[in-house]
Amino acid sequence: MEPVIIIPARGGSTRIVRKNVKIFNGAPMIHWPISAALGCVSPKNVIVSTEDREIAEVAVSAGASVPFTRPAELADDHAGTAPAIVHALDALEIADDTAAMCLYPTAPVPSSTLAAALALAEEHPDDFVISVGRHRSPHERCVVPGSEGRMVLEDSTALLSRTQDLPQRYFDAGKFYVASAATWRSRTTMMAEPFVPFFLPDWATVDMDEPDDWPVAEALHRAFVMEDG
């Protein structure tokens, strides 16, 4: 059974207004993950879940399918990702043994990355595969506000440790999550249980939550995706 790639793209966005359809390197933002997904699965299996008419129109123009309208209660500021994905799986009557990827609409990663993540998920059919990035600075080097406008090390016990001797830590990169439809249906969140990491390069982990993030992400996308493709 071919995997299904679901892109949850609601219309609301407070910090970057309408970011899912904001122009990113010459095309609406959502165009890029749709294009990458189309390099891995057939158009009928690239599904955009949205309550927003403009997003739906842009998604269809980019080659994705929009077979239903997401309920309003799954599209407000407090709606979680997992319920939206489960709604899509149920609306489409996706079989439990089908691999399902949640691909965020602000994840302009190449098709090769998605294909590798889907392949990793095939090796771990009972787990989530989650995109992660590395923290570039050890947590032991964190500084926090102190008194009288000064700052202090949060953890002074590692003051004399070399950076390379401190443990590497990672974070949820928020680009994609892959699991069987059955696993999606059985979990409240994607990280409710231990998961299999898919390590992203640093350039692919940049957030797009603040306006200043946008030109940085565009430049990295041009350098690492568009120039290679």
Protein backbone atom coordinates (compact mmCIF):
# COMPACT_ATOMS: atom_id res chain seq x y z
CA MET A 1 0.00 0.00 0.00
CA GLU A 2 1.44 3.37 -1.04
CA PRO A 3 2.02 5.78 1.87
CA VAL A 4 -0.22 8.78 2.31
CA ILE A 5 1.27 12.21 3.02
CA ILE A 6 -1.05 14.58 4.90
CA ILE A 7 -0.26 18.29 5.07
CA PRO A 8 -2.22 20.03 7.87
CA ALA A 9 -2.55 23.67 6.80
CA ARG A 10 -4.98 25.82 8.74
CA GLY A 11 -5.64 29.42 7.80
CA GLY A 12 -4.83 31.08 11.10
CA SER A 13 -1.32 32.28 11.93
CA THR A 14 -0.60 35.02 14.44
CA ARG A 15 3.12 35.68 14.22
CA ILE A 16 3.50 35.41 10.42
CA VAL A 17 0.11 36.21 8.92
CA ARG A 18 -1.09 33.70 6.27
CA LYS A 19 2.30 32.04 6.27
CA ASN A 20 1.07 28.84 4.60
CA VAL A 21 0.39 30.77 1.40
CA LYS A 22 2.94 33.58 1.85
CA ILE A 23 5.37 33.73 -1.08
CA PHE A 24 8.54 31.78 -0.34
CA ASN A 25 11.25 31.80 -3.01
CA GLY A 26 8.76 32.65 -5.72
CA ALA A 27 5.88 30.35 -4.82
CA PRO A 28 3.30 30.01 -2.04
CA MET A 29 4.93 28.36 0.96
CA ILE A 30 2.74 25.26 0.80
CA HIS A 31 3.83 24.65 -2.79
CA TRP A 32 7.23 23.41 -1.64
CA PRO A 33 6.19 20.53 0.66
CA ILE A 34 3.50 19.54 -1.85
CA SER A 35 6.11 19.38 -4.60
CA ALA A 36 8.41 17.30 -2.41
CA ALA A 37 5.57 14.95 -1.49
CA LEU A 38 4.63 14.49 -5.16
CA GLY A 39 8.14 13.21 -5.72
CA CYS A 40 7.39 10.33 -3.34
CA VAL A 41 3.75 9.34 -3.80
CA SER A 42 0.95 9.79 -6.34
CA PRO A 43 -1.13 12.99 -6.29
CA LYS A 44 -4.18 11.27 -4.82
CA ASN A 45 -2.06 10.41 -1.76
CA VAL A 46 -0.84 13.96 -1.16
CA ILE A 47 -3.65 15.28 1.01
CA VAL A 48 -4.02 18.82 2.35
CA SER A 49 -6.22 19.14 5.43
CA THR A 50 -7.52 22.69 5.73
CA GLU A 51 -10.57 24.74 6.62
CA ASP A 52 -9.34 27.65 4.49
CA ARG A 53 -10.63 28.16 0.93
CA GLU A 54 -7.56 30.00 -0.36
CA ILE A 55 -5.19 27.37 0.99
CA ALA A 56 -7.33 24.67 -0.60
CA GLU A 57 -7.22 26.42 -3.98
CA VAL A 58 -3.45 26.91 -3.83
CA ALA A 59 -2.97 23.27 -2.78
CA VAL A 60 -5.02 21.95 -5.69
CA SER A 61 -3.12 24.22 -8.10
CA ALA A 62 0.13 22.75 -6.76
CA GLY A 63 -1.08 19.21 -7.46
CA ALA A 64 -2.37 18.04 -4.08
CA SER A 65 -5.78 16.62 -3.23
CA VAL A 66 -8.21 18.40 -0.89
CA PRO A 67 -10.98 15.81 -0.51
CA PHE A 68 -12.63 17.27 2.60
CA THR A 69 -12.88 20.43 4.71
CA ARG A 70 -11.27 20.24 8.11
CA PRO A 71 -13.75 20.88 10.95
CA ALA A 72 -13.41 24.29 12.59
CA GLU A 73 -12.74 22.76 16.01
CA LEU A 74 -9.62 21.11 14.56
CA ALA A 75 -8.35 24.33 13.03
CA ASP A 76 -8.23 26.88 15.85
CA ASP A 77 -5.18 28.07 17.80
CA HIS A 78 -5.53 25.30 20.36
CA ALA A 79 -6.03 22.37 17.99
CA GLY A 80 -3.36 19.67 18.10
CA THR A 81 -1.72 18.07 15.10
CA ALA A 82 -2.49 14.44 15.95
CA PRO A 83 -6.29 14.89 16.05
CA ALA A 84 -6.19 16.61 12.65
CA ILE A 85 -4.20 13.75 11.16
CA VAL A 86 -6.49 11.12 12.67
CA HIS A 87 -9.50 13.01 11.30
CA ALA A 88 -7.95 12.90 7.83
CA LEU A 89 -7.17 9.18 8.11
CA ASP A 90 -10.71 8.41 9.20
CA ALA A 91 -12.30 10.68 6.57
CA LEU A 92 -10.30 8.90 3.88
CA GLU A 93 -10.84 5.46 5.45
CA ILE A 94 -7.10 4.78 5.37
CA ALA A 95 -6.25 1.20 6.34
CA ASP A 96 -4.43 0.69 9.64
CA ASP A 97 -1.34 -0.81 7.99
CA THR A 98 -0.80 2.17 5.66
CA ALA A 99 2.17 4.43 6.41
CA ALA A 100 1.02 8.00 7.02
CA MET A 101 3.30 11.04 7.06
CA CYS A 102 2.29 14.33 8.59
CA LEU A 103 4.26 16.94 6.65
CA TYR A 104 4.00 20.50 7.86
CA PRO A 105 3.18 23.18 5.26
CA THR A 106 6.25 25.19 6.31
CA ALA A 107 8.68 22.30 5.73
CA PRO A 108 10.41 22.98 2.39
CA VAL A 109 12.58 19.86 2.50
CA PRO A 110 13.51 17.89 -0.64
CA SER A 111 11.79 14.73 -1.87
CA SER A 112 14.89 12.70 -1.08
CA THR A 113 14.53 13.54 2.62
CA LEU A 114 10.88 12.50 2.68
CA ALA A 115 11.67 9.28 0.82
CA ALA A 116 14.40 8.42 3.32
CA ALA A 117 12.04 9.06 6.24
CA LEU A 118 9.36 6.85 4.69
CA ALA A 119 11.96 4.11 4.16
CA LEU A 120 13.02 4.37 7.81
CA ALA A 121 9.39 4.09 8.86
CA GLU A 122 9.09 0.84 6.90
CA GLU A 123 11.84 -0.57 9.12
CA HIS A 124 9.98 0.50 12.27
CA PRO A 125 6.29 -0.17 11.59
CA ASP A 126 5.26 0.08 15.26
CA ASP A 127 6.97 3.40 16.02
CA PHE A 128 6.80 7.02 15.06
CA VAL A 129 9.66 8.37 12.96
CA ILE A 130 10.15 12.02 13.90
CA SER A 131 12.36 14.68 12.36
CA VAL A 132 14.86 16.03 14.88
CA GLY A 133 17.58 18.66 14.86
CA ARG A 134 20.64 19.09 17.02
CA HIS A 135 21.12 21.84 19.57
CA ARG A 136 24.25 23.63 18.42
CA SER A 137 25.20 24.73 21.94
CA PRO A 138 25.27 22.47 25.01
CA HIS A 139 22.54 23.12 27.56
CA GLU A 140 25.25 23.36 30.21
CA ARG A 141 26.32 26.60 28.55
CA CYS A 142 22.88 28.20 28.95
CA VAL A 143 22.81 31.57 30.66
CA VAL A 144 19.80 32.90 32.54
CA PRO A 145 18.86 36.28 34.04
CA GLY A 146 20.40 36.93 37.43
CA SER A 147 20.17 39.94 39.69
CA GLU A 148 20.76 43.61 38.90
CA GLY A 149 20.61 43.10 35.13
CA ARG A 150 23.37 40.49 35.06
CA MET A 151 23.26 36.95 33.71
CA VAL A 152 24.66 33.72 35.14
CA LEU A 153 25.34 30.21 33.94
CA GLU A 154 22.33 28.00 34.54
CA ASP A 155 24.60 25.05 35.38
CA SER A 156 27.92 26.05 36.92
CA THR A 157 28.96 22.43 37.54
CA ALA A 158 30.11 22.17 33.92
CA LEU A 159 31.96 25.49 33.96
CA LEU A 160 35.36 23.95 33.26
CA SER A 161 34.17 21.24 30.87
CA ARG A 162 35.12 21.44 27.22
CA THR A 163 32.17 21.93 24.87
CA GLN A 164 33.03 18.77 22.96
CA ASP A 165 32.90 16.75 26.17
CA LEU A 166 29.33 17.77 26.99
CA PRO A 167 26.39 15.64 25.78
CA GLN A 168 24.76 16.35 22.44
CA ARG A 169 21.06 17.11 22.73
CA TYR A 170 18.32 17.25 20.11
CA PHE A 171 14.90 18.80 19.58
CA ASP A 172 11.71 18.07 17.69
CA ALA A 173 12.34 19.89 14.41
CA GLY A 174 8.62 20.12 13.62
CA LYS A 175 8.96 19.17 9.93
CA PHE A 176 7.38 15.72 9.65
CA TYR A 177 6.15 12.67 11.56
CA VAL A 178 5.62 9.19 10.10
CA ALA A 179 3.77 6.19 11.53
CA SER A 180 1.23 3.61 10.49
CA ALA A 181 -2.37 4.75 10.48
CA ALA A 182 -2.95 2.35 13.38
CA THR A 183 -0.21 4.02 15.43
CA TRP A 184 -1.62 7.49 14.71
CA ARG A 185 -5.02 6.29 15.88
CA SER A 186 -3.66 4.77 19.08
CA ARG A 187 -1.54 7.69 20.35
CA THR A 188 -2.62 10.99 21.87
CA THR A 189 0.51 12.75 20.60
CA MET A 190 3.44 11.86 18.38
CA MET A 191 5.95 11.77 21.24
CA ALA A 192 3.79 10.02 23.84
CA GLU A 193 6.18 7.06 23.65
CA PRO A 194 9.82 6.59 22.59
CA PHE A 195 10.28 7.22 18.88
CA VAL A 196 12.78 6.69 16.07
CA PRO A 197 14.69 9.88 15.19
CA PHE A 198 15.29 11.08 11.67
CA PHE A 199 18.24 13.45 11.92
CA LEU A 200 17.94 16.57 9.79
CA PRO A 201 20.89 18.74 8.75
CA ASP A 202 21.11 22.08 10.51
CA TRP A 203 19.86 24.07 7.52
CA ALA A 204 16.58 22.12 7.45
CA THR A 205 15.69 22.76 11.09
CA VAL A 206 15.22 26.52 10.97
CA ASP A 207 11.91 27.67 12.44
CA MET A 208 9.50 29.90 10.57
CA ASP A 209 7.64 31.36 13.51
CA GLU A 210 8.87 34.97 13.53
CA PRO A 211 9.09 37.42 10.60
CA ASP A 212 12.90 37.49 10.78
CA ASP A 213 12.95 33.70 10.26
CA TRP A 214 11.51 34.03 6.76
CA PRO A 215 14.46 35.48 4.79
CA VAL A 216 16.86 33.17 6.62
CA ALA A 217 14.79 30.12 5.66
CA GLU A 218 14.52 31.36 2.07
CA ALA A 219 18.28 31.76 1.78
CA LEU A 220 18.94 28.30 3.20
CA HIS A 221 16.33 26.78 0.89
CA ARG A 222 17.92 28.44 -2.13
CA ALA A 223 21.37 27.20 -1.12
CA PHE A 224 20.56 23.63 -0.13
CA VAL A 225 17.43 22.67 -2.08
CA MET A 226 16.95 24.85 -5.15
CA GLU A 227 20.61 24.85 -6.21
CA ASP A 228 20.81 21.06 -5.83
CA GLY A 229 17.54 20.46 -7.65
